[in-house]
PDB file of all heavy atoms in Angstrom:
ATOM      1  N   HIS A   1     -36.447  16.941 -10.702  1.00  0.00           N
ATOM      2  CA  HIS A   1     -37.681  17.730 -10.647  1.00  0.00           C
ATOM      3  C   HIS A   1     -38.836  17.026 -11.369  1.00  0.00           C
ATOM      4  O   HIS A   1     -39.992  17.161 -10.978  1.00  0.00           O
ATOM      5  CB  HIS A   1     -37.451  19.118 -11.259  1.00  0.00           C
ATOM      6  CG  HIS A   1     -36.476  19.966 -10.508  1.00  0.00           C
ATOM      7  ND1 HIS A   1     -36.674  20.369  -9.207  1.00  0.00           N
ATOM      8  CD2 HIS A   1     -35.273  20.476 -10.875  1.00  0.00           C
ATOM      9  CE1 HIS A   1     -35.650  21.105  -8.797  1.00  0.00           C
ATOM     10  NE2 HIS A   1     -34.781  21.182  -9.806  1.00  0.00           N
ATOM     11  N   THR A   2     -38.516  16.306 -12.446  1.00  0.00           N
ATOM     12  CA  THR A   2     -39.574  15.640 -13.220  1.00  0.00           C
ATOM     13  C   THR A   2     -39.996  14.313 -12.613  1.00  0.00           C
ATOM     14  O   THR A   2     -41.114  13.843 -12.839  1.00  0.00           O
ATOM     15  CB  THR A   2     -39.096  15.376 -14.667  1.00  0.00           C
ATOM     16  OG1 THR A   2     -37.966  14.488 -14.632  1.00  0.00           O
ATOM     17  CG2 THR A   2     -38.686  16.666 -15.346  1.00  0.00           C
ATOM     18  N   GLY A   3     -39.080  13.692 -11.858  1.00  0.00           N
ATOM     19  CA  GLY A   3     -39.395  12.391 -11.264  1.00  0.00           C
ATOM     20  C   GLY A   3     -39.202  11.228 -12.224  1.00  0.00           C
ATOM     21  O   GLY A   3     -39.446  10.066 -11.870  1.00  0.00           O
ATOM     22  N   VAL A   4     -38.773  11.509 -13.439  1.00  0.00           N
ATOM     23  CA  VAL A   4     -38.566  10.455 -14.432  1.00  0.00           C
ATOM     24  C   VAL A   4     -37.325   9.644 -14.066  1.00  0.00           C
ATOM     25  O   VAL A   4     -36.299  10.192 -13.687  1.00  0.00           O
ATOM     26  CB  VAL A   4     -38.393  11.060 -15.841  1.00  0.00           C
ATOM     27  CG1 VAL A   4     -38.072   9.965 -16.861  1.00  0.00           C
ATOM     28  CG2 VAL A   4     -39.652  11.804 -16.252  1.00  0.00           C
ATOM     29  N   LYS A   5     -37.440   8.321 -14.200  1.00  0.00           N
ATOM     30  CA  LYS A   5     -36.320   7.415 -13.950  1.00  0.00           C
ATOM     31  C   LYS A   5     -36.113   6.562 -15.202  1.00  0.00           C
ATOM     32  O   LYS A   5     -36.663   5.470 -15.320  1.00  0.00           O
ATOM     33  CB  LYS A   5     -36.591   6.544 -12.724  1.00  0.00           C
ATOM     34  CG  LYS A   5     -36.695   7.332 -11.412  1.00  0.00           C
ATOM     35  CD  LYS A   5     -36.911   6.400 -10.226  1.00  0.00           C
ATOM     36  CE  LYS A   5     -36.961   7.185  -8.925  1.00  0.00           C
ATOM     37  NZ  LYS A   5     -37.123   6.280  -7.755  1.00  0.00           N
ATOM     38  N   PRO A   6     -35.324   7.077 -16.153  1.00  0.00           N
ATOM     39  CA  PRO A   6     -35.247   6.435 -17.478  1.00  0.00           C
ATOM     40  C   PRO A   6     -34.390   5.175 -17.557  1.00  0.00           C
ATOM     41  O   PRO A   6     -34.445   4.457 -18.552  1.00  0.00           O
ATOM     42  CB  PRO A   6     -34.640   7.543 -18.340  1.00  0.00           C
ATOM     43  CG  PRO A   6     -33.815   8.348 -17.389  1.00  0.00           C
ATOM     44  CD  PRO A   6     -34.544   8.315 -16.083  1.00  0.00           C
ATOM     45  N   PHE A   7     -33.609   4.884 -16.520  1.00  0.00           N
ATOM     46  CA  PHE A   7     -32.698   3.745 -16.586  1.00  0.00           C
ATOM     47  C   PHE A   7     -33.266   2.567 -15.792  1.00  0.00           C
ATOM     48  O   PHE A   7     -33.394   2.638 -14.576  1.00  0.00           O
ATOM     49  CB  PHE A   7     -31.314   4.143 -16.070  1.00  0.00           C
ATOM     50  CG  PHE A   7     -30.720   5.307 -16.818  1.00  0.00           C
ATOM     51  CD1 PHE A   7     -30.755   6.580 -16.272  1.00  0.00           C
ATOM     52  CD2 PHE A   7     -30.173   5.134 -18.079  1.00  0.00           C
ATOM     53  CE1 PHE A   7     -30.230   7.657 -16.957  1.00  0.00           C
ATOM     54  CE2 PHE A   7     -29.643   6.205 -18.781  1.00  0.00           C
ATOM     55  CZ  PHE A   7     -29.670   7.469 -18.222  1.00  0.00           C
ATOM     56  N   GLN A   8     -33.613   1.494 -16.517  1.00  0.00           N
ATOM     57  CA  GLN A   8     -34.299   0.357 -15.903  1.00  0.00           C
ATOM     58  C   GLN A   8     -33.419  -0.890 -15.889  1.00  0.00           C
ATOM     59  O   GLN A   8     -32.745  -1.218 -16.865  1.00  0.00           O
ATOM     60  CB  GLN A   8     -35.594   0.052 -16.652  1.00  0.00           C
ATOM     61  CG  GLN A   8     -36.446  -1.035 -15.988  1.00  0.00           C
ATOM     62  CD  GLN A   8     -37.771  -1.213 -16.696  1.00  0.00           C
ATOM     63  OE1 GLN A   8     -37.843  -1.213 -17.915  1.00  0.00           O
ATOM     64  NE2 GLN A   8     -38.838  -1.365 -15.920  1.00  0.00           N
ATOM     65  N   CYS A   9     -33.452  -1.601 -14.766  1.00  0.00           N
ATOM     66  CA  CYS A   9     -32.715  -2.851 -14.611  1.00  0.00           C
ATOM     67  C   CYS A   9     -33.421  -3.954 -15.404  1.00  0.00           C
ATOM     68  O   CYS A   9     -34.626  -4.167 -15.227  1.00  0.00           O
ATOM     69  CB  CYS A   9     -32.618  -3.234 -13.135  1.00  0.00           C
ATOM     70  SG  CYS A   9     -31.877  -4.846 -12.850  1.00  0.00           S
ATOM     71  N   SER A  10     -32.672  -4.651 -16.250  1.00  0.00           N
ATOM     72  CA  SER A  10     -33.249  -5.715 -17.072  1.00  0.00           C
ATOM     73  C   SER A  10     -33.543  -6.979 -16.264  1.00  0.00           C
ATOM     74  O   SER A  10     -34.280  -7.846 -16.716  1.00  0.00           O
ATOM     75  CB  SER A  10     -32.295  -6.051 -18.226  1.00  0.00           C
ATOM     76  OG  SER A  10     -31.022  -6.436 -17.717  1.00  0.00           O
ATOM     77  N   ASP A  11     -32.986  -7.062 -15.056  1.00  0.00           N
ATOM     78  CA  ASP A  11     -33.189  -8.254 -14.225  1.00  0.00           C
ATOM     79  C   ASP A  11     -34.433  -8.151 -13.345  1.00  0.00           C
ATOM     80  O   ASP A  11     -35.213  -9.090 -13.249  1.00  0.00           O
ATOM     81  CB  ASP A  11     -31.972  -8.506 -13.345  1.00  0.00           C
ATOM     82  CG  ASP A  11     -30.803  -9.089 -14.129  1.00  0.00           C
ATOM     83  OD1 ASP A  11     -31.011  -9.418 -15.312  1.00  0.00           O
ATOM     84  OD2 ASP A  11     -29.709  -9.219 -13.572  1.00  0.00           O
ATOM     85  N   CYS A  12     -34.605  -7.002 -12.700  1.00  0.00           N
ATOM     86  CA  CYS A  12     -35.710  -6.885 -11.748  1.00  0.00           C
ATOM     87  C   CYS A  12     -36.695  -5.766 -12.070  1.00  0.00           C
ATOM     88  O   CYS A  12     -37.719  -5.634 -11.402  1.00  0.00           O
ATOM     89  CB  CYS A  12     -35.160  -6.684 -10.331  1.00  0.00           C
ATOM     90  SG  CYS A  12     -34.301  -5.108 -10.081  1.00  0.00           S
ATOM     91  N   GLY A  13     -36.368  -4.921 -13.061  1.00  0.00           N
ATOM     92  CA  GLY A  13     -37.285  -3.862 -13.464  1.00  0.00           C
ATOM     93  C   GLY A  13     -37.184  -2.581 -12.660  1.00  0.00           C
ATOM     94  O   GLY A  13     -37.887  -1.613 -12.950  1.00  0.00           O
ATOM     95  N   LYS A  14     -36.321  -2.554 -11.659  1.00  0.00           N
ATOM     96  CA  LYS A  14     -36.164  -1.340 -10.855  1.00  0.00           C
ATOM     97  C   LYS A  14     -35.591  -0.222 -11.720  1.00  0.00           C
ATOM     98  O   LYS A  14     -34.747  -0.468 -12.593  1.00  0.00           O
ATOM     99  CB  LYS A  14     -35.235  -1.612  -9.675  1.00  0.00           C
ATOM    100  CG  LYS A  14     -35.201  -0.491  -8.641  1.00  0.00           C
ATOM    101  CD  LYS A  14     -34.386  -0.897  -7.406  1.00  0.00           C
ATOM    102  CE  LYS A  14     -34.401   0.221  -6.372  1.00  0.00           C
ATOM    103  NZ  LYS A  14     -33.612  -0.152  -5.165  1.00  0.00           N
ATOM    104  N   THR A  15     -36.061   1.012 -11.512  1.00  0.00           N
ATOM    105  CA  THR A  15     -35.627   2.146 -12.337  1.00  0.00           C
ATOM    106  C   THR A  15     -34.795   3.130 -11.525  1.00  0.00           C
ATOM    107  O   THR A  15     -34.924   3.225 -10.300  1.00  0.00           O
ATOM    108  CB  THR A  15     -36.836   2.877 -12.939  1.00  0.00           C
ATOM    109  OG1 THR A  15     -37.715   3.292 -11.875  1.00  0.00           O
ATOM    110  CG2 THR A  15     -37.598   1.968 -13.895  1.00  0.00           C
ATOM    111  N   PHE A  16     -33.966   3.890 -12.259  1.00  0.00           N
ATOM    112  CA  PHE A  16     -33.034   4.809 -11.615  1.00  0.00           C
ATOM    113  C   PHE A  16     -32.967   6.129 -12.383  1.00  0.00           C
ATOM    114  O   PHE A  16     -33.201   6.170 -13.592  1.00  0.00           O
ATOM    115  CB  PHE A  16     -31.639   4.187 -11.544  1.00  0.00           C
ATOM    116  CG  PHE A  16     -31.599   2.901 -10.759  1.00  0.00           C
ATOM    117  CD1 PHE A  16     -31.857   1.698 -11.398  1.00  0.00           C
ATOM    118  CD2 PHE A  16     -31.333   2.905  -9.405  1.00  0.00           C
ATOM    119  CE1 PHE A  16     -31.839   0.517 -10.684  1.00  0.00           C
ATOM    120  CE2 PHE A  16     -31.315   1.723  -8.689  1.00  0.00           C
ATOM    121  CZ  PHE A  16     -31.565   0.523  -9.319  1.00  0.00           C
ATOM    122  N   ILE A  17     -32.605   7.183 -11.669  1.00  0.00           N
ATOM    123  CA  ILE A  17     -32.496   8.512 -12.267  1.00  0.00           C
ATOM    124  C   ILE A  17     -31.246   8.612 -13.128  1.00  0.00           C
ATOM    125  O   ILE A  17     -31.260   9.179 -14.212  1.00  0.00           O
ATOM    126  CB  ILE A  17     -32.477   9.602 -11.170  1.00  0.00           C
ATOM    127  CG1 ILE A  17     -33.835   9.687 -10.480  1.00  0.00           C
ATOM    128  CG2 ILE A  17     -32.110  10.960 -11.753  1.00  0.00           C
ATOM    129  CD1 ILE A  17     -33.870  10.656  -9.312  1.00  0.00           C
ATOM    130  N   GLN A  18     -30.139   8.038 -12.657  1.00  0.00           N
ATOM    131  CA  GLN A  18     -28.869   8.148 -13.364  1.00  0.00           C
ATOM    132  C   GLN A  18     -28.352   6.774 -13.798  1.00  0.00           C
ATOM    133  O   GLN A  18     -28.578   5.772 -13.111  1.00  0.00           O
ATOM    134  CB  GLN A  18     -27.821   8.832 -12.486  1.00  0.00           C
ATOM    135  CG  GLN A  18     -28.140  10.288 -12.180  1.00  0.00           C
ATOM    136  CD  GLN A  18     -27.005  10.985 -11.465  1.00  0.00           C
ATOM    137  OE1 GLN A  18     -25.842  10.664 -11.670  1.00  0.00           O
ATOM    138  NE2 GLN A  18     -27.329  11.957 -10.624  1.00  0.00           N
ATOM    139  N   LYS A  19     -27.632   6.771 -14.902  1.00  0.00           N
ATOM    140  CA  LYS A  19     -27.100   5.517 -15.442  1.00  0.00           C
ATOM    141  C   LYS A  19     -26.101   4.892 -14.484  1.00  0.00           C
ATOM    142  O   LYS A  19     -26.039   3.667 -14.353  1.00  0.00           O
ATOM    143  CB  LYS A  19     -26.446   5.793 -16.795  1.00  0.00           C
ATOM    144  CG  LYS A  19     -26.103   4.526 -17.570  1.00  0.00           C
ATOM    145  CD  LYS A  19     -25.607   4.865 -18.965  1.00  0.00           C
ATOM    146  CE  LYS A  19     -25.359   3.603 -19.770  1.00  0.00           C
ATOM    147  NZ  LYS A  19     -24.922   3.903 -21.154  1.00  0.00           N
ATOM    148  N   ARG A  20     -25.301   5.720 -13.810  1.00  0.00           N
ATOM    149  CA  ARG A  20     -24.306   5.178 -12.891  1.00  0.00           C
ATOM    150  C   ARG A  20     -24.960   4.488 -11.701  1.00  0.00           C
ATOM    151  O   ARG A  20     -24.421   3.520 -11.159  1.00  0.00           O
ATOM    152  CB  ARG A  20     -23.340   6.265 -12.415  1.00  0.00           C
ATOM    153  CG  ARG A  20     -23.962   7.401 -11.612  1.00  0.00           C
ATOM    154  CD  ARG A  20     -22.926   8.485 -11.331  1.00  0.00           C
ATOM    155  NE  ARG A  20     -23.496   9.603 -10.603  1.00  0.00           N
ATOM    156  CZ  ARG A  20     -23.522   9.684  -9.286  1.00  0.00           C
ATOM    157  NH1 ARG A  20     -23.011   8.703  -8.537  1.00  0.00           N
ATOM    158  NH2 ARG A  20     -24.052  10.736  -8.683  1.00  0.00           N
ATOM    159  N   HIS A  21     -26.161   4.954 -11.311  1.00  0.00           N
ATOM    160  CA  HIS A  21     -26.892   4.287 -10.231  1.00  0.00           C
ATOM    161  C   HIS A  21     -27.342   2.898 -10.678  1.00  0.00           C
ATOM    162  O   HIS A  21     -27.315   1.940  -9.889  1.00  0.00           O
ATOM    163  CB  HIS A  21     -28.102   5.122  -9.813  1.00  0.00           C
ATOM    164  CG  HIS A  21     -27.743   6.427  -9.182  1.00  0.00           C
ATOM    165  ND1 HIS A  21     -28.642   7.472  -9.046  1.00  0.00           N
ATOM    166  CD2 HIS A  21     -26.571   6.872  -8.655  1.00  0.00           C
ATOM    167  CE1 HIS A  21     -28.045   8.489  -8.462  1.00  0.00           C
ATOM    168  NE2 HIS A  21     -26.789   8.152  -8.213  1.00  0.00           N
ATOM    169  N   LEU A  22     -27.750   2.805 -11.954  1.00  0.00           N
ATOM    170  CA  LEU A  22     -28.140   1.504 -12.497  1.00  0.00           C
ATOM    171  C   LEU A  22     -26.939   0.564 -12.545  1.00  0.00           C
ATOM    172  O   LEU A  22     -27.052  -0.612 -12.191  1.00  0.00           O
ATOM    173  CB  LEU A  22     -28.723   1.675 -13.905  1.00  0.00           C
ATOM    174  CG  LEU A  22     -28.990   0.383 -14.699  1.00  0.00           C
ATOM    175  CD1 LEU A  22     -29.973  -0.518 -13.958  1.00  0.00           C
ATOM    176  CD2 LEU A  22     -29.514   0.710 -16.092  1.00  0.00           C
ATOM    177  N   ARG A  23     -25.778   1.093 -12.972  1.00  0.00           N
ATOM    178  CA  ARG A  23     -24.577   0.255 -13.030  1.00  0.00           C
ATOM    179  C   ARG A  23     -24.210  -0.277 -11.651  1.00  0.00           C
ATOM    180  O   ARG A  23     -23.849  -1.447 -11.502  1.00  0.00           O
ATOM    181  CB  ARG A  23     -23.407   1.048 -13.619  1.00  0.00           C
ATOM    182  CG  ARG A  23     -23.473   1.256 -15.124  1.00  0.00           C
ATOM    183  CD  ARG A  23     -22.111   1.638 -15.688  1.00  0.00           C
ATOM    184  NE  ARG A  23     -21.623   2.894 -15.117  1.00  0.00           N
ATOM    185  CZ  ARG A  23     -21.793   4.073 -15.680  1.00  0.00           C
ATOM    186  NH1 ARG A  23     -22.436   4.171 -16.841  1.00  0.00           N
ATOM    187  NH2 ARG A  23     -21.321   5.165 -15.111  1.00  0.00           N
ATOM    188  N   ASN A  24     -24.293   0.580 -10.652  1.00  0.00           N
ATOM    189  CA  ASN A  24     -23.995   0.143  -9.282  1.00  0.00           C
ATOM    190  C   ASN A  24     -24.980  -0.930  -8.833  1.00  0.00           C
ATOM    191  O   ASN A  24     -24.608  -1.906  -8.174  1.00  0.00           O
ATOM    192  CB  ASN A  24     -24.041   1.336  -8.327  1.00  0.00           C
ATOM    193  CG  ASN A  24     -22.921   2.324  -8.563  1.00  0.00           C
ATOM    194  OD1 ASN A  24     -21.890   1.970  -9.132  1.00  0.00           O
ATOM    195  ND2 ASN A  24     -23.112   3.561  -8.150  1.00  0.00           N
ATOM    196  N   HIS A  25     -26.250  -0.738  -9.194  1.00  0.00           N
ATOM    197  CA  HIS A  25     -27.292  -1.708  -8.828  1.00  0.00           C
ATOM    198  C   HIS A  25     -27.051  -3.060  -9.500  1.00  0.00           C
ATOM    199  O   HIS A  25     -27.263  -4.113  -8.896  1.00  0.00           O
ATOM    200  CB  HIS A  25     -28.657  -1.162  -9.235  1.00  0.00           C
ATOM    201  CG  HIS A  25     -29.751  -2.196  -9.224  1.00  0.00           C
ATOM    202  ND1 HIS A  25     -30.370  -2.615  -8.058  1.00  0.00           N
ATOM    203  CD2 HIS A  25     -30.324  -2.898 -10.240  1.00  0.00           C
ATOM    204  CE1 HIS A  25     -31.282  -3.534  -8.361  1.00  0.00           C
ATOM    205  NE2 HIS A  25     -31.280  -3.713  -9.673  1.00  0.00           N
ATOM    206  N   MET A  26     -26.593  -3.049 -10.751  1.00  0.00           N
ATOM    207  CA  MET A  26     -26.384  -4.287 -11.495  1.00  0.00           C
ATOM    208  C   MET A  26     -25.329  -5.179 -10.864  1.00  0.00           C
ATOM    209  O   MET A  26     -25.334  -6.404 -11.050  1.00  0.00           O
ATOM    210  CB  MET A  26     -25.995  -3.977 -12.942  1.00  0.00           C
ATOM    211  CG  MET A  26     -27.121  -3.373 -13.781  1.00  0.00           C
ATOM    212  SD  MET A  26     -28.580  -4.441 -13.908  1.00  0.00           S
ATOM    213  CE  MET A  26     -27.939  -5.771 -14.923  1.00  0.00           C
ATOM    214  N   THR A  27     -24.414  -4.578 -10.100  1.00  0.00           N
ATOM    215  CA  THR A  27     -23.394  -5.391  -9.431  1.00  0.00           C
ATOM    216  C   THR A  27     -24.023  -6.305  -8.386  1.00  0.00           C
ATOM    217  O   THR A  27     -23.470  -7.361  -8.067  1.00  0.00           O
ATOM    218  CB  THR A  27     -22.332  -4.496  -8.764  1.00  0.00           C
ATOM    219  OG1 THR A  27     -22.959  -3.656  -7.774  1.00  0.00           O
ATOM    220  CG2 THR A  27     -21.628  -3.613  -9.787  1.00  0.00           C
ATOM    221  N   VAL A  28     -25.174  -5.901  -7.846  1.00  0.00           N
ATOM    222  CA  VAL A  28     -25.880  -6.749  -6.875  1.00  0.00           C
ATOM    223  C   VAL A  28     -26.308  -8.052  -7.539  1.00  0.00           C
ATOM    224  O   VAL A  28     -26.120  -9.143  -6.994  1.00  0.00           O
ATOM    225  CB  VAL A  28     -27.120  -6.014  -6.301  1.00  0.00           C
ATOM    226  CG1 VAL A  28     -27.918  -6.933  -5.378  1.00  0.00           C
ATOM    227  CG2 VAL A  28     -26.699  -4.736  -5.582  1.00  0.00           C
TER     228      VAL A  28
END
């Protein structure tokens, strides 16, 4: 509802709503 994406990728700067989404992204 807030639109906040607090989890940011240290490689490309992309942000995510949930930490698990960031972890999945980091595998790329």
